Amino acid sequence: MLMNLPRPLVAGERFPLTLQFQQAGRIDVVVEVRAPDTAPPPVH
């Protein structure tokens, strides 16, 4: 869950996000915002 966002998310946008795990440390990812009714991409 993302909290205290400076503005609403808009479908189609991408933004960087850093996840902090207790044992795995920091992992940087790029998040793609999708509309709630959009199917996820196929997994390879």
N, C-alpha and C. Protein backbone atom coordinates (compact mmCIF):
# COMPACT_ATOMS: atom_id res chain seq x y z
N MET A 1 0.85 -1.16 0.00
CA MET A 1 0.00 0.00 0.00
C MET A 1 0.90 1.24 0.00
N LEU A 2 0.57 2.16 -0.84
CA LEU A 2 1.29 3.44 -0.89
C LEU A 2 0.47 4.47 -0.12
N MET A 3 1.14 5.19 0.77
CA MET A 3 0.43 6.16 1.60
C MET A 3 1.08 7.53 1.46
N ASN A 4 0.29 8.57 1.72
CA ASN A 4 0.75 9.96 1.71
C ASN A 4 1.36 10.36 0.37
N LEU A 5 0.73 9.95 -0.71
CA LEU A 5 1.20 10.33 -2.04
C LEU A 5 0.96 11.82 -2.26
N PRO A 6 1.86 12.50 -2.97
CA PRO A 6 1.69 13.94 -3.18
C PRO A 6 0.56 14.28 -4.15
N ARG A 7 0.17 13.30 -4.98
CA ARG A 7 -0.95 13.50 -5.92
C ARG A 7 -1.51 12.14 -6.30
N PRO A 8 -2.69 12.09 -6.90
CA PRO A 8 -3.28 10.81 -7.28
C PRO A 8 -2.45 10.09 -8.36
N LEU A 9 -2.50 8.77 -8.35
CA LEU A 9 -1.85 7.98 -9.39
C LEU A 9 -2.69 8.03 -10.66
N VAL A 10 -2.02 8.03 -11.81
CA VAL A 10 -2.70 8.11 -13.10
C VAL A 10 -2.28 6.90 -13.92
N ALA A 11 -3.26 6.16 -14.46
CA ALA A 11 -2.97 4.98 -15.27
C ALA A 11 -2.02 5.36 -16.41
N GLY A 12 -1.01 4.51 -16.62
CA GLY A 12 -0.04 4.73 -17.69
C GLY A 12 1.26 5.34 -17.19
N GLU A 13 1.24 5.94 -16.02
CA GLU A 13 2.47 6.54 -15.48
C GLU A 13 3.39 5.45 -14.93
N ARG A 14 4.67 5.77 -14.86
CA ARG A 14 5.67 4.91 -14.22
C ARG A 14 6.45 5.77 -13.25
N PHE A 15 6.90 5.15 -12.14
CA PHE A 15 7.73 5.89 -11.19
C PHE A 15 8.63 4.91 -10.44
N PRO A 16 9.80 5.38 -10.00
CA PRO A 16 10.71 4.51 -9.25
C PRO A 16 10.23 4.36 -7.81
N LEU A 17 10.51 3.19 -7.25
CA LEU A 17 10.13 2.90 -5.87
C LEU A 17 11.22 2.03 -5.25
N THR A 18 11.60 2.34 -4.03
CA THR A 18 12.59 1.53 -3.32
C THR A 18 11.88 0.76 -2.22
N LEU A 19 12.03 -0.57 -2.25
CA LEU A 19 11.47 -1.44 -1.23
C LEU A 19 12.56 -1.73 -0.21
N GLN A 20 12.24 -1.68 1.07
CA GLN A 20 13.21 -1.93 2.13
C GLN A 20 12.81 -3.19 2.88
N PHE A 21 13.67 -4.22 2.83
CA PHE A 21 13.42 -5.48 3.50
C PHE A 21 14.41 -5.67 4.64
N GLN A 22 13.97 -6.32 5.69
CA GLN A 22 14.82 -6.50 6.86
C GLN A 22 16.07 -7.31 6.53
N GLN A 23 15.93 -8.39 5.79
CA GLN A 23 17.09 -9.24 5.50
C GLN A 23 17.63 -9.05 4.08
N ALA A 24 16.78 -8.74 3.14
CA ALA A 24 17.22 -8.60 1.74
C ALA A 24 17.76 -7.21 1.44
N GLY A 25 17.53 -6.25 2.32
CA GLY A 25 18.00 -4.89 2.08
C GLY A 25 17.09 -4.12 1.14
N ARG A 26 17.69 -3.19 0.43
CA ARG A 26 16.93 -2.30 -0.48
C ARG A 26 16.88 -2.89 -1.88
N ILE A 27 15.70 -2.81 -2.49
CA ILE A 27 15.51 -3.24 -3.88
C ILE A 27 14.79 -2.12 -4.61
N ASP A 28 15.40 -1.63 -5.69
CA ASP A 28 14.80 -0.57 -6.50
C ASP A 28 13.98 -1.20 -7.62
N VAL A 29 12.76 -0.73 -7.81
CA VAL A 29 11.88 -1.21 -8.87
C VAL A 29 11.25 -0.01 -9.56
N VAL A 30 10.68 -0.25 -10.73
CA VAL A 30 9.89 0.76 -11.43
C VAL A 30 8.45 0.27 -11.43
N VAL A 31 7.55 1.10 -10.94
CA VAL A 31 6.14 0.76 -10.82
C VAL A 31 5.39 1.34 -12.01
N GLU A 32 4.54 0.52 -12.63
CA GLU A 32 3.67 1.00 -13.70
C GLU A 32 2.25 1.04 -13.15
N VAL A 33 1.61 2.19 -13.23
CA VAL A 33 0.25 2.37 -12.73
C VAL A 33 -0.72 1.86 -13.79
N ARG A 34 -1.64 1.00 -13.36
CA ARG A 34 -2.64 0.44 -14.28
C ARG A 34 -4.04 0.69 -13.73
N ALA A 35 -4.99 0.77 -14.64
CA ALA A 35 -6.39 0.92 -14.24
C ALA A 35 -6.82 -0.37 -13.54
N PRO A 36 -7.75 -0.28 -12.58
CA PRO A 36 -8.16 -1.47 -11.82
C PRO A 36 -8.69 -2.61 -12.69
N ASP A 37 -9.27 -2.31 -13.83
CA ASP A 37 -9.84 -3.37 -14.68
C ASP A 37 -8.87 -3.89 -15.74
N THR A 38 -7.59 -3.52 -15.65
CA THR A 38 -6.59 -3.94 -16.62
C THR A 38 -5.95 -5.26 -16.19
N ALA A 39 -5.85 -6.19 -17.13
CA ALA A 39 -5.22 -7.48 -16.83
C ALA A 39 -3.71 -7.30 -16.72
N PRO A 40 -3.06 -8.05 -15.83
CA PRO A 40 -1.60 -7.96 -15.72
C PRO A 40 -0.94 -8.56 -16.96
N PRO A 41 0.31 -8.17 -17.22
CA PRO A 41 1.01 -8.72 -18.38
C PRO A 41 1.30 -10.21 -18.15
N PRO A 42 1.48 -10.97 -19.23
CA PRO A 42 1.79 -12.39 -19.07
C PRO A 42 3.15 -12.59 -18.41
N VAL A 43 3.25 -13.63 -17.61
CA VAL A 43 4.51 -13.95 -16.94
C VAL A 43 5.25 -14.98 -17.78
N HIS A 44 6.53 -14.77 -17.98
CA HIS A 44 7.32 -15.68 -18.82
C HIS A 44 7.91 -16.77 -18.00
